Amino acid sequence: MKRLVTPPSRPRSALVTARVGMRDSWLQKATPRGQSTWAELKRQFHALHVPADICETLQRWGASPDDLEPLLRMVRDIVFSNAVHRAEAKRVKWTAGTARDPHHKFTPEEPGALRPLLDIVERVISDLEHLRQWEFKPPIELHELDAKHEPTRRTVRLSRLDEAIREAFDKARKELLWVRESLRKATQRPRGRKATLVQPFRVSALPKPARRRELAKMVGLQLLALHPDRKTRPRAARATADRLAGDIIDSIPVLNEISARVE
């Protein structure tokens, strides 16, 4: 009789290690992110509508692409924050509408999409309350009859609706109260002048209103830190940084569209 010899089994830990270490042949490794190049930096600034001559000026200053990362983040945050704020303002205008402006342009009132619905709900709640407290004037007189349909000379005067009917009206009215409250919050128009431009903000935070010169000042501080003559000729360097900052703010479409609409 022949004796069969089975090969020793591999330990389970070795199998697990081998499987973890194996990679599929089609799976490619991601290219490691290197340092930013001027071509990539110009492409990102161009996506934000920053003029190409500003990038060339910064390149002549001797700044490296990595030195311009804070400036790029600042401009990107300004663009995205104001774009989000503009979209939110459009949503509020769509739901609540705009009030009449009799002092400047005599613009008519725009009711918005939800305000007609709020008017209907208000009217229905008022009608239900009126029905719940309805009184007949003069009261309805009911003459009692006996089993032979003969009058018993007893009279009942009814001035209000039946209790069950009034409870049904009151229940329907209470069901509509929370609908009216939600519509009032959605169509509430904020008082005062609306902020057209805002500072960079996070999604979870409330936007702070800002003027164009404040946004230009924020960008100008980043540009001044890149100017080669900021220590030897600080006044001239600040003037150049402020001019370039104004050009950057003026070149961003979302900021100019908001301001043009206000003017």
Protein backbone atom coordinates (compact mmCIF):
# COMPACT_ATOMS: atom_id res chain seq x y z
CA MET A 1 0.00 0.00 0.00
CA LYS A 2 1.32 3.39 -0.97
CA ARG A 3 1.38 6.14 1.58
CA LEU A 4 0.21 9.60 0.51
CA VAL A 5 2.11 12.51 1.94
CA THR A 6 0.20 15.82 2.03
CA PRO A 7 2.24 19.04 1.81
CA PRO A 8 2.25 21.11 4.96
CA SER A 9 -0.45 23.78 4.96
CA ARG A 10 0.53 27.43 5.04
CA PRO A 11 -0.34 29.37 8.19
CA ARG A 12 -3.51 31.42 8.00
CA SER A 13 -1.66 34.61 8.93
CA ALA A 14 0.67 34.15 5.98
CA LEU A 15 -2.29 33.78 3.61
CA VAL A 16 -3.89 36.93 4.96
CA THR A 17 -0.61 38.83 4.64
CA ALA A 18 -0.16 37.67 1.07
CA ARG A 19 -3.69 38.70 0.10
CA VAL A 20 -3.33 42.12 1.66
CA GLY A 21 -0.04 42.72 -0.08
CA MET A 22 -1.29 41.66 -3.51
CA ARG A 23 -2.46 44.36 -5.96
CA ASP A 24 -4.49 43.92 -9.09
CA SER A 25 -2.51 44.29 -12.29
CA TRP A 26 -4.98 46.85 -13.70
CA LEU A 27 -4.92 49.05 -10.61
CA GLN A 28 -2.61 52.01 -11.20
CA LYS A 29 -0.92 53.94 -8.50
CA ALA A 30 -1.93 57.58 -8.14
CA THR A 31 0.60 60.11 -9.27
CA PRO A 32 2.10 61.75 -6.18
CA ARG A 33 1.19 65.41 -5.88
CA GLY A 34 4.23 67.55 -6.43
CA GLN A 35 4.88 71.23 -6.14
CA SER A 36 2.62 73.63 -7.99
CA THR A 37 3.80 74.90 -11.35
CA TRP A 38 3.16 78.26 -12.95
CA ALA A 39 1.08 76.62 -15.67
CA GLU A 40 -1.21 74.98 -13.12
CA LEU A 41 -1.40 78.16 -11.08
CA LYS A 42 -2.32 80.27 -14.11
CA ARG A 43 -4.99 77.75 -15.04
CA GLN A 44 -6.59 78.03 -11.60
CA PHE A 45 -6.46 81.83 -11.63
CA HIS A 46 -7.94 81.82 -15.13
CA ALA A 47 -10.85 79.67 -13.85
CA LEU A 48 -11.54 82.44 -11.32
CA HIS A 49 -11.44 85.05 -14.15
CA VAL A 50 -8.27 86.70 -12.85
CA PRO A 51 -6.48 88.47 -15.76
CA ALA A 52 -3.39 86.76 -17.14
CA ASP A 53 -1.29 89.93 -16.91
CA ILE A 54 -1.66 89.89 -13.12
CA CYS A 55 -0.18 86.39 -13.01
CA GLU A 56 2.69 87.56 -15.23
CA THR A 57 3.30 90.51 -12.89
CA LEU A 58 3.45 88.18 -9.90
CA GLN A 59 5.83 85.92 -11.80
CA ARG A 60 8.12 88.89 -12.53
CA TRP A 61 8.17 89.68 -8.80
CA GLY A 62 10.11 86.46 -8.30
CA ALA A 63 7.47 84.68 -6.21
CA SER A 64 7.26 80.92 -6.48
CA PRO A 65 3.98 79.11 -7.22
CA ASP A 66 3.88 77.83 -3.65
CA ASP A 67 4.11 81.42 -2.35
CA LEU A 68 0.93 82.26 -4.27
CA GLU A 69 -1.16 79.51 -2.65
CA PRO A 70 -2.52 81.83 0.13
CA LEU A 71 -3.54 84.40 -2.49
CA LEU A 72 -5.23 81.72 -4.59
CA ARG A 73 -7.15 80.42 -1.56
CA MET A 74 -8.24 83.96 -0.65
CA VAL A 75 -9.58 84.71 -4.15
CA ARG A 76 -11.25 81.29 -4.36
CA ASP A 77 -12.97 81.75 -0.98
CA ILE A 78 -14.25 85.20 -2.01
CA VAL A 79 -15.66 83.85 -5.29
CA PHE A 80 -17.30 80.76 -3.79
CA SER A 81 -18.72 82.56 -0.74
CA ASN A 82 -20.33 85.28 -2.83
CA ALA A 83 -21.64 82.74 -5.34
CA VAL A 84 -23.31 80.79 -2.51
CA HIS A 85 -24.68 84.02 -1.02
CA ARG A 86 -26.08 85.07 -4.40
CA ALA A 87 -27.80 81.70 -4.86
CA GLU A 88 -29.34 81.95 -1.40
CA ALA A 89 -30.55 85.48 -2.14
CA LYS A 90 -32.17 84.25 -5.35
CA ARG A 91 -33.94 81.48 -3.43
CA VAL A 92 -35.27 83.97 -0.87
CA LYS A 93 -36.45 86.29 -3.64
CA TRP A 94 -38.17 83.38 -5.39
CA THR A 95 -40.07 82.37 -2.25
CA ALA A 96 -40.73 85.72 -0.55
CA GLY A 97 -40.63 88.14 -3.49
CA THR A 98 -39.63 91.79 -3.23
CA ALA A 99 -41.45 94.75 -1.75
CA ARG A 100 -42.49 97.82 -3.70
CA ASP A 101 -39.83 100.55 -3.89
CA PRO A 102 -41.65 103.86 -4.29
CA HIS A 103 -38.71 106.13 -3.44
CA HIS A 104 -36.10 105.29 -6.05
CA LYS A 105 -37.07 103.32 -9.13
CA PHE A 106 -40.79 102.92 -8.43
CA THR A 107 -40.45 99.17 -8.88
CA PRO A 108 -43.68 97.21 -8.36
CA GLU A 109 -44.04 94.57 -5.70
CA GLU A 110 -43.19 90.98 -6.66
CA PRO A 111 -45.23 88.61 -4.50
CA GLY A 112 -42.97 85.59 -4.88
CA ALA A 113 -43.94 81.95 -5.38
CA LEU A 114 -45.21 81.15 -1.87
CA ARG A 115 -46.91 84.40 -0.90
CA PRO A 116 -50.15 83.69 -2.87
CA LEU A 117 -50.30 80.33 -1.10
CA LEU A 118 -49.87 82.09 2.26
CA ASP A 119 -52.74 84.44 1.41
CA ILE A 120 -55.02 81.47 0.66
CA VAL A 121 -54.10 79.72 3.92
CA GLU A 122 -54.68 82.93 5.88
CA ARG A 123 -58.09 83.32 4.27
CA VAL A 124 -59.06 79.69 4.97
CA ILE A 125 -58.04 79.96 8.64
CA SER A 126 -60.06 83.15 8.99
CA ASP A 127 -63.11 81.50 7.38
CA LEU A 128 -62.83 78.46 9.66
CA GLU A 129 -62.67 80.70 12.71
CA HIS A 130 -65.71 82.58 11.44
CA LEU A 131 -67.62 79.31 10.93
CA ARG A 132 -66.62 78.03 14.37
CA GLN A 133 -68.15 81.13 15.99
CA TRP A 134 -71.09 81.35 13.61
CA GLU A 135 -74.36 82.61 15.09
CA PHE A 136 -77.77 82.63 13.42
CA LYS A 137 -79.44 86.01 13.55
CA PRO A 138 -82.27 85.73 14.29
CA PRO A 139 -81.98 82.34 16.01
CA ILE A 140 -83.65 79.33 14.44
CA GLU A 141 -86.82 78.30 16.30
CA LEU A 142 -87.64 74.60 16.52
CA HIS A 143 -91.14 73.63 17.72
CA GLU A 144 -91.37 70.30 19.50
CA LEU A 145 -93.91 67.72 18.27
CA ASP A 146 -95.33 64.76 20.13
CA ALA A 147 -95.73 61.20 18.85
CA LYS A 148 -98.83 62.20 16.90
CA HIS A 149 -96.95 65.14 15.33
CA GLU A 150 -98.93 67.57 17.37
CA PRO A 151 -97.17 70.71 18.73
CA THR A 152 -96.35 70.57 22.41
CA ARG A 153 -95.96 74.35 22.65
CA ARG A 154 -92.28 73.94 23.61
CA THR A 155 -89.81 75.89 21.50
CA VAL A 156 -86.03 75.54 21.18
CA ARG A 157 -83.96 78.44 19.89
CA LEU A 158 -80.71 77.60 18.06
CA SER A 159 -78.17 80.36 17.51
CA ARG A 160 -74.97 78.33 16.93
CA LEU A 161 -73.95 75.32 14.90
CA ASP A 162 -73.89 71.81 16.30
CA GLU A 163 -71.00 71.04 18.68
CA ALA A 164 -69.62 68.27 16.45
CA ILE A 165 -69.55 70.60 13.45
CA ARG A 166 -67.79 73.32 15.42
CA GLU A 167 -65.19 70.80 16.67
CA ALA A 168 -64.52 69.72 13.06
CA PHE A 169 -63.98 73.34 12.02
CA ASP A 170 -61.67 73.92 15.00
CA LYS A 171 -59.63 70.78 14.23
CA ALA A 172 -59.16 71.85 10.61
CA ARG A 173 -58.12 75.32 11.77
CA LYS A 174 -55.50 73.92 14.16
CA GLU A 175 -54.08 71.69 11.42
CA LEU A 176 -53.52 74.74 9.22
CA LEU A 177 -51.83 76.85 11.92
CA TRP A 178 -48.43 75.14 11.56
CA VAL A 179 -48.72 75.40 7.76
CA ARG A 180 -49.28 79.15 8.10
CA GLU A 181 -46.29 79.45 10.47
CA SER A 182 -44.00 77.65 8.02
CA LEU A 183 -45.16 79.83 5.13
CA ARG A 184 -44.67 82.99 7.18
CA LYS A 185 -41.07 82.03 7.97
CA ALA A 186 -40.38 81.16 4.32
CA THR A 187 -41.85 84.41 3.00
CA GLN A 188 -40.48 86.72 5.68
CA ARG A 189 -38.56 89.60 4.11
CA PRO A 190 -35.52 90.81 6.05
CA ARG A 191 -35.63 94.43 7.08
CA GLY A 192 -33.02 96.95 6.00
CA ARG A 193 -30.70 96.98 3.04
CA LYS A 194 -29.72 93.53 1.85
CA ALA A 195 -26.03 92.63 1.79
CA THR A 196 -24.88 92.24 -1.80
CA LEU A 197 -21.25 91.25 -1.10
CA VAL A 198 -20.04 89.12 1.79
CA GLN A 199 -16.74 88.14 3.33
CA PRO A 200 -15.44 84.58 2.88
CA PHE A 201 -17.40 82.31 5.21
CA ARG A 202 -17.91 78.65 5.95
CA VAL A 203 -21.15 76.91 5.09
CA SER A 204 -22.09 76.47 8.77
CA ALA A 205 -21.50 80.17 9.59
CA LEU A 206 -23.59 83.21 8.80
CA PRO A 207 -22.18 85.48 6.07
CA LYS A 208 -20.92 88.90 7.10
CA PRO A 209 -21.64 91.78 4.70
CA ALA A 210 -18.65 93.41 3.07
CA ARG A 211 -17.93 96.31 0.75
CA ARG A 212 -15.85 96.05 -2.38
CA ARG A 213 -13.00 98.00 -0.82
CA GLU A 214 -12.95 95.56 2.12
CA LEU A 215 -12.59 92.58 -0.20
CA ALA A 216 -9.94 94.44 -2.18
CA LYS A 217 -8.08 95.18 1.06
CA MET A 218 -8.06 91.49 1.99
CA VAL A 219 -6.57 90.60 -1.40
CA GLY A 220 -4.17 93.56 -1.24
CA LEU A 221 -2.63 92.28 2.00
CA GLN A 222 -1.84 88.98 0.31
CA LEU A 223 -0.32 90.79 -2.68
CA LEU A 224 1.74 93.10 -0.47
CA ALA A 225 3.34 90.08 1.20
CA LEU A 226 4.58 88.98 -2.24
CA HIS A 227 5.92 92.35 -3.40
CA PRO A 228 9.75 92.37 -3.59
CA ASP A 229 9.98 96.06 -2.53
CA ARG A 230 7.63 95.86 0.46
CA LYS A 231 10.49 96.66 2.87
CA THR A 232 12.62 99.05 0.84
CA ARG A 233 9.76 101.01 -0.79
CA PRO A 234 6.67 100.23 1.31
CA ARG A 235 4.50 103.10 0.02
CA ALA A 236 5.01 102.26 -3.65
CA ALA A 237 4.63 98.56 -2.95
CA ARG A 238 1.31 99.13 -1.15
CA ALA A 239 0.02 101.30 -4.00
CA THR A 240 0.86 98.61 -6.55
CA ALA A 241 -0.70 95.88 -4.40
CA ASP A 242 -3.90 97.92 -3.95
CA ARG A 243 -4.14 98.56 -7.69
CA LEU A 244 -3.71 94.88 -8.53
CA ALA A 245 -6.21 93.92 -5.81
CA GLY A 246 -8.78 96.27 -7.32
CA ASP A 247 -8.19 94.76 -10.75
CA ILE A 248 -8.72 91.26 -9.37
CA ILE A 249 -11.99 92.20 -7.63
CA ASP A 250 -13.20 94.02 -10.76
CA SER A 251 -12.48 90.96 -12.90
CA ILE A 252 -14.64 88.53 -10.89
CA PRO A 253 -18.03 88.31 -12.67
CA VAL A 254 -20.08 87.23 -9.65
CA LEU A 255 -19.03 90.34 -7.72
CA ASN A 256 -19.68 92.73 -10.60
CA GLU A 257 -23.09 91.24 -11.44
CA ILE A 258 -24.25 91.70 -7.84
CA SER A 259 -23.01 95.29 -7.69
CA ALA A 260 -24.47 96.21 -11.08
CA ARG A 261 -27.85 94.92 -10.00
CA VAL A 262 -27.81 97.19 -6.93
CA GLU A 263 -26.79 100.27 -8.94
